[in-house]
Amino acid sequence: MLSGDVDLVVESIEAPCRNKEYGCNETVDCMTSNDHEVTCIYSPCVCPFQDCNYVGPFEQLALHFSSKHWDSGRQFKYNHPLAISLQMDEQFLVLQAEEDGVLFLLNKGTETNGNTVMITCIGPNSSKEGFIYEIVSCRGRSSLRLKSVAENFPGRMEDFPPVDFLLIPFNFLVSSRELNVDICIWNSTEHNVDCS
């Protein structure tokens, strides 16, 4: 038996995707399950509020937010500018699109020379839907502007990831120590907007 070539056949073991409870019906090979779970569109999303323990599919996150936190964010329309004021102690603001309920976070951090701001989309990392956003901050005749792509994250971030952000110097704050910005978000899959 051992003297010839031996073909070793290993049967692959299949199991349901880890995101089955969130709606994924895929059966994955245990050898490649990590590949699937990284790209699975049913990866759960987390409510951005720390005192809320909601974890669920992306499709139900908008409904959860609208019913439980309707007074804690701002609604906006794609392709329409929106003026926003953030207090010094506010680290983020939830923005909900009126058209489809998609949730975005206007994230604010503090550096030694100013505030960093950026917009992310709450959704699975694997989502192929793309959104372009613009942030503008003005002071007198001076203005700062960032146009970028909203990266997908399944919830609120504790630290800023390595993505684009706008640094707004402290001297751009108004006298009440508020940070005022104008934002606009486009659904790039519908409107074919790019950052050029």
Protein backbone atom coordinates (compact mmCIF):
# COMPACT_ATOMS: atom_id res chain seq x y z
CA MET A 1 0.00 0.00 0.00
CA LEU A 2 2.74 2.45 0.90
CA SER A 3 5.00 1.65 -2.01
CA GLY A 4 3.04 3.52 -4.71
CA ASP A 5 1.75 7.03 -5.11
CA VAL A 6 -1.01 7.63 -2.69
CA ASP A 7 -3.71 10.12 -3.53
CA LEU A 8 -4.96 11.75 -0.40
CA VAL A 9 -8.46 13.07 -0.71
CA VAL A 10 -9.63 15.48 1.90
CA GLU A 11 -13.31 16.14 1.94
CA SER A 12 -14.13 19.75 2.46
CA ILE A 13 -16.28 20.50 5.44
CA GLU A 14 -19.04 22.99 4.78
CA ALA A 15 -21.00 25.02 7.28
CA PRO A 16 -23.44 27.92 7.21
CA CYS A 17 -21.97 31.41 7.12
CA ARG A 18 -21.46 32.97 10.55
CA ASN A 19 -23.87 35.71 9.44
CA LYS A 20 -26.76 33.28 8.94
CA GLU A 21 -28.77 34.90 11.75
CA TYR A 22 -28.49 38.21 9.86
CA GLY A 23 -29.80 36.80 6.58
CA CYS A 24 -26.92 35.08 4.78
CA ASN A 25 -27.92 31.74 3.25
CA GLU A 26 -24.44 30.85 1.95
CA THR A 27 -22.78 27.59 2.85
CA VAL A 28 -19.05 28.07 3.09
CA ASP A 29 -16.11 25.73 2.93
CA CYS A 30 -14.28 25.82 6.25
CA MET A 31 -10.99 26.35 4.39
CA THR A 32 -12.27 29.55 2.74
CA SER A 33 -14.82 30.77 5.29
CA ASN A 34 -12.66 33.75 6.28
CA ASP A 35 -12.63 34.97 2.66
CA HIS A 36 -16.41 34.85 2.50
CA GLU A 37 -16.99 36.47 5.87
CA VAL A 38 -14.77 39.42 4.96
CA THR A 39 -16.90 40.10 1.88
CA CYS A 40 -20.30 38.98 3.20
CA ILE A 41 -22.91 41.69 2.71
CA TYR A 42 -24.81 40.38 5.75
CA SER A 43 -22.06 41.27 8.22
CA PRO A 44 -23.79 42.83 11.22
CA CYS A 45 -23.76 46.56 11.88
CA VAL A 46 -23.74 48.19 15.31
CA CYS A 47 -25.76 51.17 16.50
CA PRO A 48 -23.36 54.12 16.86
CA PHE A 49 -24.64 55.07 20.33
CA GLN A 50 -22.57 53.49 23.12
CA ASP A 51 -25.54 53.05 25.44
CA CYS A 52 -27.43 51.03 22.78
CA ASN A 53 -26.65 47.34 22.28
CA TYR A 54 -28.31 46.88 18.87
CA VAL A 55 -26.42 44.60 16.50
CA GLY A 56 -28.12 43.55 13.29
CA PRO A 57 -28.18 43.51 9.52
CA PHE A 58 -27.49 46.68 7.56
CA GLU A 59 -31.02 46.63 6.07
CA GLN A 60 -32.60 46.89 9.55
CA LEU A 61 -30.22 49.45 11.03
CA ALA A 62 -32.10 52.38 9.47
CA LEU A 63 -35.39 51.15 10.93
CA HIS A 64 -33.79 50.70 14.35
CA PHE A 65 -32.34 54.21 14.27
CA SER A 66 -35.59 55.79 13.04
CA SER A 67 -37.66 54.13 15.76
CA LYS A 68 -35.26 54.29 18.74
CA HIS A 69 -33.07 57.35 18.13
CA TRP A 70 -35.17 59.54 15.81
CA ASP A 71 -34.33 62.68 17.82
CA SER A 72 -30.57 62.04 18.05
CA GLY A 73 -29.45 62.70 14.48
CA ARG A 74 -30.09 64.86 11.44
CA GLN A 75 -31.86 63.91 8.24
CA PHE A 76 -30.51 65.08 4.91
CA LYS A 77 -31.15 64.75 1.18
CA TYR A 78 -28.55 63.49 -1.25
CA ASN A 79 -27.08 66.26 -3.44
CA HIS A 80 -28.30 69.05 -1.12
CA PRO A 81 -25.92 71.01 1.14
CA LEU A 82 -26.61 70.89 4.86
CA ALA A 83 -25.24 73.33 7.47
CA ILE A 84 -24.14 71.66 10.70
CA SER A 85 -22.85 73.00 14.03
CA LEU A 86 -20.95 70.71 16.40
CA GLN A 87 -20.33 71.62 20.03
CA MET A 88 -16.80 71.19 21.41
CA ASP A 89 -17.76 68.00 23.29
CA GLU A 90 -19.54 66.33 20.34
CA GLN A 91 -17.43 63.60 18.77
CA PHE A 92 -19.89 62.59 16.06
CA LEU A 93 -23.28 63.30 14.56
CA VAL A 94 -25.48 60.68 12.91
CA LEU A 95 -26.84 61.71 9.52
CA GLN A 96 -29.71 59.75 7.95
CA ALA A 97 -30.58 59.98 4.26
CA GLU A 98 -34.27 60.75 3.76
CA GLU A 99 -34.42 58.79 0.50
CA ASP A 100 -33.18 55.37 1.64
CA GLY A 101 -32.46 55.65 5.40
CA VAL A 102 -28.72 54.97 5.04
CA LEU A 103 -26.79 56.18 8.09
CA PHE A 104 -23.60 58.22 7.97
CA LEU A 105 -21.39 59.56 10.74
CA LEU A 106 -19.86 63.00 10.73
CA ASN A 107 -16.80 62.17 12.88
CA LYS A 108 -14.87 64.85 14.77
CA GLY A 109 -11.52 64.44 16.46
CA THR A 110 -9.26 66.92 18.23
CA GLU A 111 -5.60 67.46 17.43
CA THR A 112 -3.17 70.00 18.91
CA ASN A 113 -3.80 72.52 16.12
CA GLY A 114 -7.46 71.93 15.26
CA ASN A 115 -10.34 69.55 14.70
CA THR A 116 -10.34 66.69 12.22
CA VAL A 117 -13.63 65.90 10.48
CA MET A 118 -14.67 63.20 8.04
CA ILE A 119 -17.76 61.28 7.02
CA THR A 120 -18.13 57.50 7.09
CA CYS A 121 -21.06 55.29 6.11
CA ILE A 122 -22.40 52.75 8.59
CA GLY A 123 -22.49 49.57 6.56
CA PRO A 124 -20.66 46.32 5.97
CA ASN A 125 -17.04 46.73 4.84
CA SER A 126 -17.95 44.68 1.76
CA SER A 127 -20.71 47.02 0.58
CA LYS A 128 -20.27 48.03 -3.04
CA GLU A 129 -22.49 51.09 -2.71
CA GLY A 130 -20.38 54.22 -2.92
CA PHE A 131 -20.99 57.70 -1.59
CA ILE A 132 -19.05 60.88 -2.30
CA TYR A 133 -19.10 63.64 0.28
CA GLU A 134 -17.85 67.18 0.64
CA ILE A 135 -17.11 69.12 3.82
CA VAL A 136 -16.60 72.90 3.70
CA SER A 137 -15.58 75.16 6.58
CA CYS A 138 -15.52 78.94 6.12
CA ARG A 139 -14.20 81.89 8.11
CA GLY A 140 -14.54 85.30 6.51
CA ARG A 141 -13.03 85.05 3.01
CA SER A 142 -11.12 81.87 3.86
CA SER A 143 -12.49 78.40 3.27
CA LEU A 144 -11.32 74.81 3.65
CA ARG A 145 -12.79 72.01 1.55
CA LEU A 146 -12.53 68.21 1.38
CA LYS A 147 -14.19 66.04 -1.25
CA SER A 148 -13.76 62.32 -0.68
CA VAL A 149 -15.37 58.88 -0.60
CA ALA A 150 -17.28 57.82 2.53
CA GLU A 151 -15.67 54.56 3.66
CA ASN A 152 -17.96 51.83 5.02
CA PHE A 153 -17.58 50.79 8.66
CA PRO A 154 -20.01 48.57 10.58
CA GLY A 155 -20.41 51.06 13.43
CA ARG A 156 -18.82 53.96 15.25
CA MET A 157 -15.04 54.12 15.33
CA GLU A 158 -13.12 54.71 18.52
CA ASP A 159 -10.05 55.94 16.63
CA PHE A 160 -9.82 57.58 13.25
CA PRO A 161 -8.89 55.01 10.60
CA PRO A 162 -6.34 55.93 7.91
CA VAL A 163 -8.82 57.62 5.58
CA ASP A 164 -9.21 61.17 4.28
CA PHE A 165 -10.14 63.90 6.74
CA LEU A 166 -10.26 67.69 6.86
CA LEU A 167 -8.16 69.49 9.49
CA ILE A 168 -9.92 72.67 10.59
CA PRO A 169 -7.72 75.02 12.68
CA PHE A 170 -9.14 76.21 15.99
CA ASN A 171 -9.28 79.80 14.71
CA PHE A 172 -12.10 78.68 12.38
CA LEU A 173 -14.35 78.06 15.40
CA VAL A 174 -17.05 80.63 16.04
CA SER A 175 -17.05 82.61 19.28
CA SER A 176 -19.40 80.11 20.96
CA ARG A 177 -16.72 77.43 20.40
CA GLU A 178 -18.87 75.66 17.82
CA LEU A 179 -17.49 74.04 14.72
CA ASN A 180 -19.62 75.03 11.74
CA VAL A 181 -19.39 73.05 8.50
CA ASP A 182 -21.45 72.59 5.37
CA ILE A 183 -21.69 69.03 4.12
CA CYS A 184 -23.08 67.43 0.99
CA ILE A 185 -23.36 63.70 0.29
CA TRP A 186 -23.95 62.19 -3.14
CA ASN A 187 -24.92 58.62 -3.93
CA SER A 188 -22.22 58.02 -6.53
CA THR A 189 -23.85 54.86 -7.86
CA GLU A 190 -26.90 56.89 -8.89
CA HIS A 191 -25.32 60.17 -9.86
CA ASN A 192 -21.96 59.05 -11.27
CA VAL A 193 -20.10 61.65 -9.20
CA ASP A 194 -16.34 61.44 -8.87
CA CYS A 195 -13.82 63.39 -6.85
CA SER A 196 -12.08 65.12 -9.75
